[in-house]
Amino acid sequence: MSGSEQGEAARAEASLAMARLDRLAAFTDEPGRITRLAFSPALKAANAELLGWMRAAGMEARIDAAGNVVGRYEGERPDARAILLGSHLDTVRNGGRYDGALGVIAALAVVERLAARGTRLSHAVEIIAFADEEGTRYGGTILGSWAVAGRLPTDWRSRVDAEGVGAEAAVRAFGLDPDTVGTASRAGSPPAAYLELHIEQGPQLEAAETPLGVVTAIAGATRLLVTIDGAAGHAGTVPMALRRDALVAASECVLAVNRLARTSRCVGTVGHLRVAPDAVNVIPGRVQFSIDVRSAADADRAALLGEIRAAFETIAAAHRVALAWTVTSETAAVACAPHLIEAAAATLAEMGLPRQLLASGAGHDGIAMSTITPIAMLFLRCAGGISHDPAEAVDARDVEHGIEALARLTIRLAG
């Protein structure tokens, strides 16, 4: 194939990938928005579409016991452990079309390129689309990559979503058997490596004017659910001095998270808040809100959480409200495998791209996968660093670079 033909083929791959990402964006639980929650009808429809694409590419494809889509393109050596490529298809509420899905579709493009050329690598190439990376529906990932890693949360069955649907019921409605989700574990026969292409979700690559970067580590994260119980009352009859307003106390807590995080080496976010009774003429009696704290250094994260807890207790006492603090998920910081970092950096060098190394402040499925296999991640530039938002955007030329880099790295490891 001539250089011009290769260039045209690469542009066609990227164009098809962008069209597929648009197609997946149409599968949503909320019309007019991109929302695919774990074990929802929209995710089930997206999974079915992906299964069709995988099978058309000559892959054996299935839904595993935990709801993940798994496809396999066989290699020449049956005894060789597979190279696993992937990401996730679930989204946050009103999210973007590239977070997660880009990595799955780029991986599919890699396999389609191999199949079109009649190429079989020494190792099989597998693709996985995890069903529950975001943790939006149940306050943290309950199955997904943690099921594949053989580390299911012990309380996953008891969790309930905002609509009152229990996780066990949602899994059954998705067509799975809650009693067998543990059989999705690959801990006993792990892949040789896990590779993921993902949008950066930050502004560093754009600032460096380069399309791709190599991830060195994934920040550790703690997610919490905080409940503040005061006393509901009539908005017109309870004097200000006698109120136990849960929302006022919660508001001070939110400000404390922001203030303390700014003086730490962490980031802290309150992204969800629920007020009850939620009426215009009633003093709020209960407020629940989330906290998300992240850092590449676990000790820094633990220190900030201690400061936040102390501040909350002081606020609760001042407002005469009760405070409950529940950790819904916690993951340690994870380093990418040094030999895979070097392989990824060498791949970018082959393509004439700079050696751009950066840590990930966002959590990824690689955290779970690192417990059973070496991991590597490539980041792809996104416009303005915006993610988890409908404004999320990537350039087709960058997607072309991303597919090329993922293909070269896969062949480097599996060939």
Protein backbone atom coordinates (compact mmCIF):
# COMPACT_ATOMS: atom_id res chain seq x y z
CA MET A 1 0.00 0.00 0.00
CA SER A 2 1.43 3.39 -1.00
CA GLY A 3 1.84 6.25 1.46
CA SER A 4 -1.14 8.09 -0.01
CA GLU A 5 -3.27 4.97 0.17
CA GLN A 6 -2.26 4.42 3.80
CA GLY A 7 -3.18 8.00 4.59
CA GLU A 8 -6.56 7.62 2.94
CA ALA A 9 -7.21 4.36 4.81
CA ALA A 10 -6.29 6.00 8.13
CA ARG A 11 -8.66 8.90 7.46
CA ALA A 12 -11.42 6.43 6.59
CA GLU A 13 -10.81 4.57 9.88
CA ALA A 14 -11.12 7.79 11.85
CA SER A 15 -14.22 8.85 9.94
CA LEU A 16 -15.89 5.51 10.64
CA ALA A 17 -14.91 5.75 14.31
CA MET A 18 -16.47 9.21 14.59
CA ALA A 19 -19.67 7.97 12.91
CA ARG A 20 -19.87 5.05 15.31
CA LEU A 21 -19.41 7.33 18.29
CA ASP A 22 -22.30 9.43 16.99
CA ARG A 23 -24.34 6.24 16.66
CA LEU A 24 -23.60 5.20 20.25
CA ALA A 25 -24.55 8.68 21.48
CA ALA A 26 -28.08 8.02 20.22
CA PHE A 27 -28.50 5.27 22.83
CA THR A 28 -29.59 7.21 25.90
CA ASP A 29 -31.74 6.82 29.00
CA GLU A 30 -32.71 10.51 28.83
CA PRO A 31 -33.90 11.86 25.46
CA GLY A 32 -32.01 14.94 24.37
CA ARG A 33 -29.01 14.07 26.52
CA ILE A 34 -26.26 11.45 26.46
CA THR A 35 -26.97 9.31 29.50
CA ARG A 36 -26.17 5.58 29.58
CA LEU A 37 -26.24 4.34 33.13
CA ALA A 38 -25.00 0.96 34.29
CA PHE A 39 -27.44 -1.89 33.54
CA SER A 40 -29.92 0.41 31.82
CA PRO A 41 -31.92 -0.15 28.62
CA ALA A 42 -29.72 2.36 26.76
CA LEU A 43 -26.53 0.54 27.75
CA LYS A 44 -28.07 -2.77 26.73
CA ALA A 45 -28.88 -1.34 23.29
CA ALA A 46 -25.37 0.10 22.90
CA ASN A 47 -23.91 -3.27 23.87
CA ALA A 48 -25.99 -5.00 21.21
CA GLU A 49 -24.75 -2.56 18.56
CA LEU A 50 -21.14 -3.17 19.58
CA LEU A 51 -21.61 -6.94 19.50
CA GLY A 52 -22.76 -6.64 15.90
CA TRP A 53 -19.71 -4.58 14.91
CA MET A 54 -17.37 -7.02 16.63
CA ARG A 55 -18.86 -10.05 14.92
CA ALA A 56 -18.75 -8.32 11.55
CA ALA A 57 -15.01 -7.82 12.16
CA GLY A 58 -14.54 -11.57 12.60
CA MET A 59 -14.41 -11.55 16.39
CA GLU A 60 -16.04 -13.98 18.77
CA ALA A 61 -18.21 -11.67 20.87
CA ARG A 62 -20.35 -12.10 23.98
CA ILE A 63 -21.69 -10.43 27.11
CA ASP A 64 -19.87 -11.75 30.16
CA ALA A 65 -21.49 -12.60 33.48
CA ALA A 66 -21.03 -9.03 34.78
CA GLY A 67 -22.54 -7.31 31.74
CA ASN A 68 -19.29 -6.35 29.99
CA VAL A 69 -18.99 -6.78 26.20
CA VAL A 70 -16.04 -9.02 25.33
CA GLY A 71 -14.71 -9.71 21.84
CA ARG A 72 -11.74 -11.90 20.83
CA TYR A 73 -9.66 -11.87 17.65
CA GLU A 74 -7.70 -15.10 17.80
CA GLY A 75 -3.90 -15.17 17.60
CA GLU A 76 -1.46 -17.67 16.16
CA ARG A 77 -0.43 -19.07 19.56
CA PRO A 78 -3.30 -20.56 21.56
CA ASP A 79 -1.09 -20.74 24.65
CA ALA A 80 -0.21 -17.02 24.58
CA ARG A 81 -2.16 -14.70 26.87
CA ALA A 82 -4.25 -12.12 25.07
CA ILE A 83 -3.55 -8.42 24.83
CA LEU A 84 -6.68 -6.73 26.15
CA LEU A 85 -7.81 -3.38 24.73
CA GLY A 86 -10.80 -1.50 26.01
CA SER A 87 -12.64 1.13 27.96
CA HIS A 88 -16.29 1.64 28.96
CA LEU A 89 -19.65 2.42 27.36
CA ASP A 90 -21.56 3.74 30.39
CA THR A 91 -21.66 7.53 30.92
CA VAL A 92 -22.40 10.11 33.55
CA ARG A 93 -25.75 11.87 33.30
CA ASN A 94 -25.78 14.33 30.40
CA GLY A 95 -22.23 13.37 29.48
CA GLY A 96 -20.19 13.47 26.28
CA ARG A 97 -19.88 11.02 23.42
CA TYR A 98 -16.14 10.33 23.64
CA ASP A 99 -15.40 9.53 27.28
CA GLY A 100 -14.91 5.76 27.37
CA ALA A 101 -16.60 4.98 24.07
CA LEU A 102 -13.64 6.36 22.09
CA GLY A 103 -11.32 3.72 23.57
CA VAL A 104 -13.71 0.91 22.68
CA ILE A 105 -14.26 2.10 19.12
CA ALA A 106 -10.55 2.76 18.54
CA ALA A 107 -9.80 -0.78 19.73
CA LEU A 108 -12.37 -2.11 17.26
CA ALA A 109 -10.64 -0.13 14.49
CA VAL A 110 -7.35 -1.84 15.38
CA VAL A 111 -8.90 -5.30 15.03
CA GLU A 112 -10.67 -4.36 11.81
CA ARG A 113 -7.34 -3.22 10.37
CA LEU A 114 -5.73 -6.55 11.26
CA ALA A 115 -8.67 -8.51 9.84
CA ALA A 116 -8.73 -6.50 6.61
CA ARG A 117 -5.05 -7.33 6.06
CA GLY A 118 -5.49 -10.97 7.03
CA THR A 119 -3.03 -10.49 9.88
CA ARG A 120 -2.95 -12.70 12.95
CA LEU A 121 -0.60 -11.71 15.74
CA SER A 122 1.14 -14.16 18.04
CA HIS A 123 -1.19 -13.21 20.88
CA ALA A 124 -4.95 -12.95 20.57
CA VAL A 125 -6.32 -9.42 20.76
CA GLU A 126 -9.37 -8.96 22.96
CA ILE A 127 -11.62 -5.95 23.35
CA ILE A 128 -13.68 -5.25 26.43
CA ALA A 129 -16.35 -2.59 26.93
CA PHE A 130 -16.90 -2.31 30.65
CA ALA A 131 -20.49 -1.87 31.84
CA ASP A 132 -20.01 0.20 34.97
CA GLU A 133 -16.97 2.50 35.06
CA GLU A 134 -18.55 5.81 36.01
CA GLY A 135 -20.27 4.59 39.16
CA THR A 136 -23.00 7.18 38.59
CA ARG A 137 -25.99 4.97 39.26
CA TYR A 138 -24.91 3.26 42.48
CA GLY A 139 -22.46 5.69 44.07
CA GLY A 140 -19.39 3.86 42.80
CA THR A 141 -18.49 1.06 40.42
CA ILE A 142 -20.13 -2.17 41.57
CA LEU A 143 -19.28 -4.64 38.78
CA GLY A 144 -17.54 -3.71 35.51
CA SER A 145 -13.77 -3.95 35.67
CA TRP A 146 -13.84 -4.89 39.36
CA ALA A 147 -15.78 -8.03 38.44
CA VAL A 148 -13.16 -8.87 35.81
CA ALA A 149 -10.43 -8.33 38.40
CA GLY A 150 -12.25 -10.67 40.80
CA ARG A 151 -12.79 -7.93 43.40
CA LEU A 152 -16.51 -7.34 43.67
CA PRO A 153 -17.60 -4.89 46.39
CA THR A 154 -19.08 -6.94 49.22
CA ASP A 155 -22.12 -4.68 49.47
CA TRP A 156 -22.98 -4.38 45.80
CA ARG A 157 -26.29 -6.23 46.06
CA SER A 158 -27.64 -3.86 48.72
CA ARG A 159 -27.05 -0.61 46.84
CA VAL A 160 -30.05 1.37 45.59
CA ASP A 161 -30.19 4.05 42.89
CA ALA A 162 -31.96 7.42 42.99
CA GLU A 163 -35.18 5.88 41.68
CA GLY A 164 -35.19 3.21 44.37
CA VAL A 165 -34.06 0.38 42.07
CA GLY A 166 -31.71 -2.02 43.81
CA ALA A 167 -28.51 -3.11 42.10
CA GLU A 168 -29.50 -6.77 42.25
CA ALA A 169 -32.82 -6.04 40.55
CA ALA A 170 -31.11 -3.92 37.89
CA VAL A 171 -28.63 -6.69 37.13
CA ARG A 172 -31.49 -9.19 36.74
CA ALA A 173 -33.39 -6.80 34.45
CA PHE A 174 -30.22 -6.50 32.35
CA GLY A 175 -30.42 -10.24 31.72
CA LEU A 176 -27.74 -11.32 34.18
CA ASP A 177 -27.77 -13.70 37.13
CA PRO A 178 -26.60 -11.92 40.31
CA ASP A 179 -25.40 -15.26 41.69
CA THR A 180 -22.93 -15.80 38.83
CA VAL A 181 -21.46 -12.30 38.24
CA GLY A 182 -18.29 -13.45 40.00
CA THR A 183 -17.57 -15.85 37.14
CA ALA A 184 -16.60 -12.83 35.00
CA SER A 185 -13.33 -12.77 36.93
CA ARG A 186 -10.14 -13.09 34.88
CA ALA A 187 -7.90 -13.13 37.95
CA GLY A 188 -7.06 -16.80 37.43
CA SER A 189 -6.18 -16.36 33.75
CA PRO A 190 -5.33 -12.69 33.24
CA PRO A 191 -4.44 -11.06 29.95
CA ALA A 192 -0.80 -10.26 29.21
CA ALA A 193 -1.51 -6.53 29.36
CA TYR A 194 -4.37 -4.05 29.37
CA LEU A 195 -4.17 -1.06 27.01
CA GLU A 196 -6.62 1.84 26.90
CA LEU A 197 -6.95 4.90 24.70
CA HIS A 198 -8.97 7.61 26.45
CA ILE A 199 -9.62 11.30 26.05
CA GLU A 200 -7.45 13.26 28.45
CA GLN A 201 -10.35 15.01 30.22
CA GLY A 202 -7.98 17.85 30.96
CA PRO A 203 -6.13 20.71 29.20
CA GLN A 204 -2.48 19.61 29.25
CA LEU A 205 -2.23 18.06 25.77
CA GLU A 206 -4.01 21.01 24.23
CA ALA A 207 -1.61 23.38 25.97
CA ALA A 208 1.35 21.31 24.71
CA GLU A 209 -0.11 21.34 21.18
CA THR A 210 0.23 17.58 20.81
CA PRO A 211 -2.51 15.01 20.08
CA LEU A 212 -1.38 12.17 22.34
CA GLY A 213 0.27 11.58 25.69
CA VAL A 214 1.42 8.60 27.73
CA VAL A 215 -0.11 8.14 31.17
CA THR A 216 2.30 7.44 34.03
CA ALA A 217 -0.20 6.91 36.87
CA ILE A 218 -3.87 7.13 37.79
CA ALA A 219 -4.81 9.17 40.84
CA GLY A 220 -6.37 7.48 43.84
CA ALA A 221 -9.92 8.54 44.66
CA THR A 222 -12.35 8.43 47.57
CA ARG A 223 -16.08 8.93 47.09
CA LEU A 224 -18.38 9.55 50.01
CA LEU A 225 -22.06 10.07 50.72
CA VAL A 226 -22.68 12.59 53.50
CA THR A 227 -26.08 12.84 55.21
CA ILE A 228 -27.03 15.80 57.38
CA ASP A 229 -30.21 15.52 59.46
CA GLY A 230 -31.71 18.65 60.97
CA ALA A 231 -35.35 19.44 61.57
CA ALA A 232 -37.90 20.31 58.93
CA GLY A 233 -40.29 23.10 59.80
CA HIS A 234 -42.58 25.79 58.45
CA ALA A 235 -40.62 28.47 56.62
CA GLY A 236 -42.75 31.23 58.14
CA THR A 237 -43.19 30.15 61.75
CA VAL A 238 -39.80 28.86 62.99
CA PRO A 239 -37.53 31.72 64.14
CA MET A 240 -34.05 31.83 62.60
CA ALA A 241 -32.32 31.27 65.95
CA LEU A 242 -34.29 28.09 66.62
CA ARG A 243 -33.77 26.46 63.25
CA ARG A 244 -31.76 23.28 62.61
CA ASP A 245 -31.52 23.83 58.86
CA ALA A 246 -29.80 20.89 57.19
CA LEU A 247 -29.20 22.81 53.95
CA VAL A 248 -27.45 25.71 55.66
CA ALA A 249 -25.10 23.25 57.38
CA ALA A 250 -24.57 21.37 54.12
CA SER A 251 -23.77 24.60 52.31
CA GLU A 252 -21.02 25.38 54.80
CA CYS A 253 -19.69 21.84 54.33
CA VAL A 254 -19.54 22.30 50.56
CA LEU A 255 -17.57 25.50 51.00
CA ALA A 256 -15.23 23.74 53.43
CA VAL A 257 -14.42 21.05 50.84
CA ASN A 258 -13.51 23.73 48.32
CA ARG A 259 -11.45 25.77 50.80
CA LEU A 260 -9.46 22.84 52.19
CA ALA A 261 -8.82 21.23 48.78
CA ARG A 262 -7.36 24.48 47.45
CA THR A 263 -4.60 24.38 50.06
CA SER A 264 -3.78 20.70 49.48
CA ARG A 265 -2.20 18.67 46.68
CA CYS A 266 -5.59 17.14 45.95
CA VAL A 267 -8.79 18.04 44.19
CA GLY A 268 -12.14 17.90 45.95
CA THR A 269 -15.61 18.11 44.44
CA VAL A 270 -19.20 18.09 45.64
CA GLY A 271 -21.12 17.13 42.51
CA HIS A 272 -24.49 15.85 43.74
CA LEU A 273 -26.86 17.23 46.37
CA ARG A 274 -30.35 16.11 47.37
CA VAL A 275 -32.61 18.18 49.64
CA ALA A 276 -35.66 16.94 51.54
CA PRO A 277 -38.52 17.72 51.77
CA ASP A 278 -37.52 19.91 48.79
CA ALA A 279 -40.44 22.36 49.12
CA VAL A 280 -40.39 26.14 48.77
CA ASN A 281 -42.04 26.79 52.15
CA VAL A 282 -40.33 24.09 54.26
CA ILE A 283 -37.02 24.33 56.11
CA PRO A 284 -34.83 21.49 54.80
CA GLY A 285 -34.73 18.63 57.29
CA ARG A 286 -32.29 16.36 55.48
CA VAL A 287 -29.59 16.87 52.89
CA GLN A 288 -27.43 14.24 51.24
CA PHE A 289 -24.43 15.12 49.10
CA SER A 290 -21.47 13.45 47.48
CA ILE A 291 -17.78 14.17 47.93
CA ASP A 292 -15.06 13.15 45.47
CA VAL A 293 -11.43 13.58 46.58
CA ARG A 294 -8.49 12.62 44.34
CA SER A 295 -4.72 12.72 44.42
CA ALA A 296 -1.75 10.93 42.87
CA ALA A 297 -0.43 10.58 46.45
CA ASP A 298 -2.58 8.46 48.76
CA ALA A 299 -1.15 10.08 51.91
CA ASP A 300 -2.20 13.54 50.71
CA ARG A 301 -5.70 12.28 50.00
CA ALA A 302 -6.01 10.72 53.45
CA ALA A 303 -4.80 13.94 55.10
CA LEU A 304 -7.35 16.06 53.26
CA LEU A 305 -10.19 13.70 54.15
CA GLY A 306 -9.22 13.99 57.80
CA GLU A 307 -9.33 17.78 57.61
CA ILE A 308 -12.71 17.71 55.85
CA ARG A 309 -14.17 15.35 58.45
CA ALA A 310 -13.00 17.59 61.31
CA ALA A 311 -14.46 20.67 59.62
CA PHE A 312 -17.79 18.92 59.07
CA GLU A 313 -18.05 17.89 62.70
CA THR A 314 -17.47 21.48 63.79
CA ILE A 315 -20.14 22.73 61.38
CA ALA A 316 -22.62 20.06 62.49
CA ALA A 317 -22.16 20.97 66.14
CA ALA A 318 -22.62 24.68 65.43
CA HIS A 319 -25.91 24.06 63.63
CA ARG A 320 -27.14 21.31 66.00
CA VAL A 321 -27.54 18.78 63.17
CA ALA A 322 -26.57 15.10 62.91
CA LEU A 323 -23.81 14.07 60.53
CA ALA A 324 -23.34 10.67 58.85
CA TRP A 325 -20.33 9.94 56.63
CA THR A 326 -20.21 6.85 54.37
CA VAL A 327 -17.37 5.88 52.03
CA THR A 328 -19.03 4.53 48.87
CA SER A 329 -15.82 3.74 46.99
CA GLU A 330 -12.09 4.07 47.53
CA THR A 331 -9.20 3.29 45.23
CA ALA A 332 -5.49 3.74 45.72
CA ALA A 333 -3.29 5.57 43.23
CA VAL A 334 -2.01 3.20 40.55
CA ALA A 335 1.19 3.41 38.52
CA CYS A 336 1.20 2.28 34.90
CA ALA A 337 3.72 -0.47 34.11
CA PRO A 338 7.16 1.08 33.40
CA HIS A 339 7.89 -1.22 30.45
CA LEU A 340 4.55 -0.35 28.88
CA ILE A 341 5.11 3.37 29.45
CA GLU A 342 8.37 3.06 27.55
CA ALA A 343 6.73 1.01 24.79
CA ALA A 344 4.00 3.63 24.41
CA ALA A 345 6.51 6.48 24.39
CA ALA A 346 8.58 4.66 21.74
CA THR A 347 5.43 4.23 19.66
CA LEU A 348 4.76 7.97 19.72
CA ALA A 349 8.39 8.62 18.78
CA GLU A 350 7.98 6.32 15.75
CA MET A 351 5.06 8.47 14.70
CA GLY A 352 7.10 11.65 15.03
CA LEU A 353 5.21 12.79 18.13
CA PRO A 354 6.83 14.16 21.30
CA ARG A 355 7.35 12.18 24.50
CA GLN A 356 4.50 13.68 26.50
CA LEU A 357 4.10 12.04 29.92
CA LEU A 358 1.28 12.95 32.30
CA ALA A 359 -0.65 11.56 35.24
CA SER A 360 -4.40 11.02 35.17
CA GLY A 361 -6.50 12.84 37.73
CA ALA A 362 -9.54 10.88 36.60
CA GLY A 363 -10.18 7.29 37.60
CA HIS A 364 -10.20 4.59 34.95
CA ASP A 365 -10.82 0.87 34.56
CA GLY A 366 -7.06 0.43 34.57
CA ILE A 367 -7.16 0.79 38.36
CA ALA A 368 -9.03 -2.49 38.71
CA MET A 369 -7.17 -4.16 35.86
CA SER A 370 -3.79 -3.29 37.41
CA THR A 371 -4.53 -5.79 40.16
CA ILE A 372 -4.28 -8.66 37.67
CA THR A 373 -2.13 -7.42 34.76
CA PRO A 374 0.26 -4.63 33.71
CA ILE A 375 -1.57 -1.58 32.33
CA ALA A 376 -0.84 1.27 29.94
CA MET A 377 -2.91 4.24 28.83
CA LEU A 378 -2.71 6.71 26.00
CA PHE A 379 -4.46 10.04 26.36
CA LEU A 380 -5.99 11.85 23.39
CA ARG A 381 -6.39 15.63 23.32
CA CYS A 382 -9.91 16.95 23.86
CA ALA A 383 -11.11 20.47 23.18
CA GLY A 384 -10.67 22.75 26.17
CA GLY A 385 -10.06 19.75 28.38
CA ILE A 386 -13.84 19.47 28.72
CA SER A 387 -15.35 16.11 29.64
CA HIS A 388 -18.41 14.66 31.37
CA ASP A 389 -20.35 17.29 29.44
CA PRO A 390 -22.18 17.51 26.09
CA ALA A 391 -19.49 19.99 24.94
CA GLU A 392 -16.89 17.20 25.00
CA ALA A 393 -15.12 17.25 21.61
CA VAL A 394 -12.19 15.70 19.76
CA ASP A 395 -10.65 16.31 16.36
CA ALA A 396 -10.90 13.56 13.73
CA ARG A 397 -7.21 13.98 12.93
CA ASP A 398 -6.36 13.30 16.57
CA VAL A 399 -8.57 10.20 16.49
CA GLU A 400 -6.59 9.09 13.45
CA HIS A 401 -3.37 9.47 15.47
CA GLY A 402 -4.96 7.62 18.40
CA ILE A 403 -5.98 4.61 16.34
CA GLU A 404 -2.54 4.48 14.73
CA ALA A 405 -0.75 4.63 18.08
CA LEU A 406 -3.00 1.98 19.63
CA ALA A 407 -2.49 -0.29 16.60
CA ARG A 408 1.29 0.09 16.69
CA LEU A 409 1.47 -0.48 20.42
CA THR A 410 -0.74 -3.57 20.14
CA ILE A 411 1.44 -5.04 17.39
CA ARG A 412 4.59 -4.16 19.39
CA LEU A 413 3.28 -6.19 22.32
CA ALA A 414 1.30 -8.94 20.60
CA GLY A 415 3.16 -9.40 17.32
